[in-house]
């Protein structure tokens, strides 16, 4: 399954369980490890775990390998690694605190050096 199809599957799986504020960030230029980061919110520990479980189940049904799922114990931030797409499902306070959208959407700034003065 190619990345755009997997992205659509992930977003659909999140929408099925009423995931909120779903954002997809193209990280292909920023990281060689994955091509997309998908971020969504759940209102409770139970909902974040259900969202992650639904994403993983739908991916497996489509023949996609689920590399790993982390954070199910607490449910405040659950990560689902699908290889080319990494899905972060967070409670709103955690999402606001870590602000992954800013981290992945912005390109790193390089400090500029002043031009050398002629002596």
C-alpha atoms as a PDB file:
ATOM      1  CA  UNK A   1       0.000   0.000   0.000  1.00  0.00           C
ATOM      2  CA  UNK A   2       1.431   3.378  -0.936  1.00  0.00           C
ATOM      3  CA  UNK A   3       1.652   6.288   1.491  1.00  0.00           C
ATOM      4  CA  UNK A   4      -1.356   8.311   0.218  1.00  0.00           C
ATOM      5  CA  UNK A   5      -3.605   5.231   0.487  1.00  0.00           C
ATOM      6  CA  UNK A   6      -2.288   4.449   3.980  1.00  0.00           C
ATOM      7  CA  UNK A   7      -2.819   8.082   4.975  1.00  0.00           C
ATOM      8  CA  UNK A   8      -6.441   7.866   3.850  1.00  0.00           C
ATOM      9  CA  UNK A   9      -6.909   4.598   5.770  1.00  0.00           C
ATOM     10  CA  UNK A  10      -5.460   6.145   8.965  1.00  0.00           C
ATOM     11  CA  UNK A  11      -7.605   9.281   8.765  1.00  0.00           C
ATOM     12  CA  UNK A  12     -10.706   7.183   8.094  1.00  0.00           C
ATOM     13  CA  UNK A  13      -9.926   4.908  11.068  1.00  0.00           C
ATOM     14  CA  UNK A  14      -9.540   7.958  13.312  1.00  0.00           C
ATOM     15  CA  UNK A  15     -12.791   9.490  12.059  1.00  0.00           C
ATOM     16  CA  UNK A  16     -14.634   6.179  12.719  1.00  0.00           C
ATOM     17  CA  UNK A  17     -13.983   6.553  16.459  1.00  0.00           C
ATOM     18  CA  UNK A  18     -14.608  10.326  16.499  1.00  0.00           C
ATOM     19  CA  UNK A  19     -10.975  11.446  16.633  1.00  0.00           C
ATOM     20  CA  UNK A  20     -10.725  15.231  16.810  1.00  0.00           C
ATOM     21  CA  UNK A  21      -8.442  17.828  15.235  1.00  0.00           C
ATOM     22  CA  UNK A  22      -6.833  15.368  12.817  1.00  0.00           C
ATOM     23  CA  UNK A  23      -3.792  16.806  11.100  1.00  0.00           C
ATOM     24  CA  UNK A  24      -1.504  15.207   8.542  1.00  0.00           C
ATOM     25  CA  UNK A  25       2.020  16.588   8.205  1.00  0.00           C
ATOM     26  CA  UNK A  26       4.261  15.678   5.272  1.00  0.00           C
ATOM     27  CA  UNK A  27       7.673  14.943   6.808  1.00  0.00           C
ATOM     28  CA  UNK A  28       9.345  13.370   3.776  1.00  0.00           C
ATOM     29  CA  UNK A  29      11.794  16.277   3.474  1.00  0.00           C
ATOM     30  CA  UNK A  30      12.476  16.416   7.208  1.00  0.00           C
ATOM     31  CA  UNK A  31      13.127  12.752   8.023  1.00  0.00           C
ATOM     32  CA  UNK A  32      14.263   9.671   6.161  1.00  0.00           C
ATOM     33  CA  UNK A  33      12.474   7.486   8.721  1.00  0.00           C
ATOM     34  CA  UNK A  34       8.859   8.202   7.728  1.00  0.00           C
ATOM     35  CA  UNK A  35       6.865  10.259   5.245  1.00  0.00           C
ATOM     36  CA  UNK A  36       3.888  11.439   7.287  1.00  0.00           C
ATOM     37  CA  UNK A  37       2.983  12.281  10.854  1.00  0.00           C
ATOM     38  CA  UNK A  38      -0.701  12.111  11.714  1.00  0.00           C
ATOM     39  CA  UNK A  39      -1.826  13.796  14.923  1.00  0.00           C
ATOM     40  CA  UNK A  40      -5.270  13.460  16.480  1.00  0.00           C
ATOM     41  CA  UNK A  41      -6.981  14.049  19.822  1.00  0.00           C
ATOM     42  CA  UNK A  42      -9.142  11.847  21.971  1.00  0.00           C
ATOM     43  CA  UNK A  43     -11.178  13.119  24.921  1.00  0.00           C
ATOM     44  CA  UNK A  44     -10.174  10.406  27.389  1.00  0.00           C
ATOM     45  CA  UNK A  45      -7.653   7.628  28.014  1.00  0.00           C
ATOM     46  CA  UNK A  46     -10.232   5.138  26.838  1.00  0.00           C
ATOM     47  CA  UNK A  47     -10.857   7.010  23.576  1.00  0.00           C
ATOM     48  CA  UNK A  48      -7.151   7.459  22.765  1.00  0.00           C
ATOM     49  CA  UNK A  49      -6.597   3.730  23.269  1.00  0.00           C
ATOM     50  CA  UNK A  50      -9.666   2.914  21.131  1.00  0.00           C
ATOM     51  CA  UNK A  51      -8.457   5.241  18.368  1.00  0.00           C
ATOM     52  CA  UNK A  52      -5.007   3.630  18.357  1.00  0.00           C
ATOM     53  CA  UNK A  53      -6.475   0.144  18.391  1.00  0.00           C
ATOM     54  CA  UNK A  54      -8.790   0.984  15.468  1.00  0.00           C
ATOM     55  CA  UNK A  55      -5.902   2.423  13.415  1.00  0.00           C
ATOM     56  CA  UNK A  56      -3.789  -0.686  14.080  1.00  0.00           C
ATOM     57  CA  UNK A  57      -6.685  -3.066  13.329  1.00  0.00           C
ATOM     58  CA  UNK A  58      -7.607  -1.323  10.054  1.00  0.00           C
ATOM     59  CA  UNK A  59      -3.952  -1.308   8.981  1.00  0.00           C
ATOM     60  CA  UNK A  60      -3.574  -5.041   9.690  1.00  0.00           C
ATOM     61  CA  UNK A  61      -6.810  -5.773   7.802  1.00  0.00           C
ATOM     62  CA  UNK A  62      -5.320  -3.943   4.798  1.00  0.00           C
ATOM     63  CA  UNK A  63      -2.148  -6.016   5.017  1.00  0.00           C
ATOM     64  CA  UNK A  64       0.018  -3.255   6.515  1.00  0.00           C
ATOM     65  CA  UNK A  65       2.552  -4.249   9.153  1.00  0.00           C
ATOM     66  CA  UNK A  66       2.092  -2.464  12.472  1.00  0.00           C
ATOM     67  CA  UNK A  67       5.657  -1.957  13.650  1.00  0.00           C
ATOM     68  CA  UNK A  68       4.690  -0.933  17.149  1.00  0.00           C
ATOM     69  CA  UNK A  69       2.207   0.693  19.490  1.00  0.00           C
ATOM     70  CA  UNK A  70       3.438   2.669  22.499  1.00  0.00           C
ATOM     71  CA  UNK A  71       1.678   4.439  25.354  1.00  0.00           C
ATOM     72  CA  UNK A  72      -1.435   2.307  25.707  1.00  0.00           C
ATOM     73  CA  UNK A  73      -0.863   1.884  29.438  1.00  0.00           C
ATOM     74  CA  UNK A  74      -1.497   5.536  30.286  1.00  0.00           C
ATOM     75  CA  UNK A  75      -3.564   6.465  27.242  1.00  0.00           C
ATOM     76  CA  UNK A  76      -2.552  10.117  27.426  1.00  0.00           C
ATOM     77  CA  UNK A  77      -0.369   9.811  24.303  1.00  0.00           C
ATOM     78  CA  UNK A  78      -0.501   6.691  22.153  1.00  0.00           C
ATOM     79  CA  UNK A  79       1.820   6.275  19.175  1.00  0.00           C
ATOM     80  CA  UNK A  80       1.154   3.845  16.320  1.00  0.00           C
ATOM     81  CA  UNK A  81       4.120   3.180  14.015  1.00  0.00           C
ATOM     82  CA  UNK A  82       3.085   2.048  10.535  1.00  0.00           C
ATOM     83  CA  UNK A  83       6.477   2.529   8.895  1.00  0.00           C
ATOM     84  CA  UNK A  84       5.901   5.335   6.418  1.00  0.00           C
ATOM     85  CA  UNK A  85       3.328   6.928   8.744  1.00  0.00           C
ATOM     86  CA  UNK A  86       3.584   7.565  12.470  1.00  0.00           C
ATOM     87  CA  UNK A  87       0.284   8.279  14.232  1.00  0.00           C
ATOM     88  CA  UNK A  88       0.180  10.293  17.479  1.00  0.00           C
ATOM     89  CA  UNK A  89      -3.100  10.173  19.393  1.00  0.00           C
ATOM     90  CA  UNK A  90      -3.113  12.514  22.360  1.00  0.00           C
ATOM     91  CA  UNK A  91      -5.370  14.099  24.896  1.00  0.00           C
ATOM     92  CA  UNK A  92      -5.782  17.844  24.249  1.00  0.00           C
ATOM     93  CA  UNK A  93      -3.618  19.037  27.173  1.00  0.00           C
ATOM     94  CA  UNK A  94      -0.743  16.744  26.159  1.00  0.00           C
ATOM     95  CA  UNK A  95      -1.036  17.797  22.528  1.00  0.00           C
ATOM     96  CA  UNK A  96      -0.978  21.451  23.466  1.00  0.00           C
ATOM     97  CA  UNK A  97       2.054  20.977  25.720  1.00  0.00           C
ATOM     98  CA  UNK A  98       4.225  19.093  23.197  1.00  0.00           C
ATOM     99  CA  UNK A  99       2.988  21.013  20.121  1.00  0.00           C
ATOM    100  CA  UNK A 100       4.183  18.440  17.574  1.00  0.00           C
ATOM    101  CA  UNK A 101       2.611  20.392  14.731  1.00  0.00           C
ATOM    102  CA  UNK A 102       5.133  23.184  15.203  1.00  0.00           C
ATOM    103  CA  UNK A 103       8.001  20.747  15.627  1.00  0.00           C
ATOM    104  CA  UNK A 104       7.329  18.850  12.387  1.00  0.00           C
ATOM    105  CA  UNK A 105       5.829  21.580  10.227  1.00  0.00           C
ATOM    106  CA  UNK A 106       8.649  24.096  10.623  1.00  0.00           C
ATOM    107  CA  UNK A 107      11.941  23.756   8.841  1.00  0.00           C
ATOM    108  CA  UNK A 108      14.923  24.225  11.096  1.00  0.00           C
ATOM    109  CA  UNK A 109      16.322  27.743  11.070  1.00  0.00           C
ATOM    110  CA  UNK A 110      20.017  28.201  10.432  1.00  0.00           C
ATOM    111  CA  UNK A 111      21.782  30.999  12.229  1.00  0.00           C
ATOM    112  CA  UNK A 112      23.153  33.554   9.833  1.00  0.00           C
ATOM    113  CA  UNK A 113      26.680  34.785  10.226  1.00  0.00           C
ATOM    114  CA  UNK A 114      27.482  38.423   9.663  1.00  0.00           C
ATOM    115  CA  UNK A 115      29.604  39.074   6.588  1.00  0.00           C
ATOM    116  CA  UNK A 116      33.299  39.297   7.341  1.00  0.00           C
ATOM    117  CA  UNK A 117      34.550  42.843   7.315  1.00  0.00           C
ATOM    118  CA  UNK A 118      37.402  43.790   5.044  1.00  0.00           C
ATOM    119  CA  UNK A 119      40.376  44.940   7.061  1.00  0.00           C
END
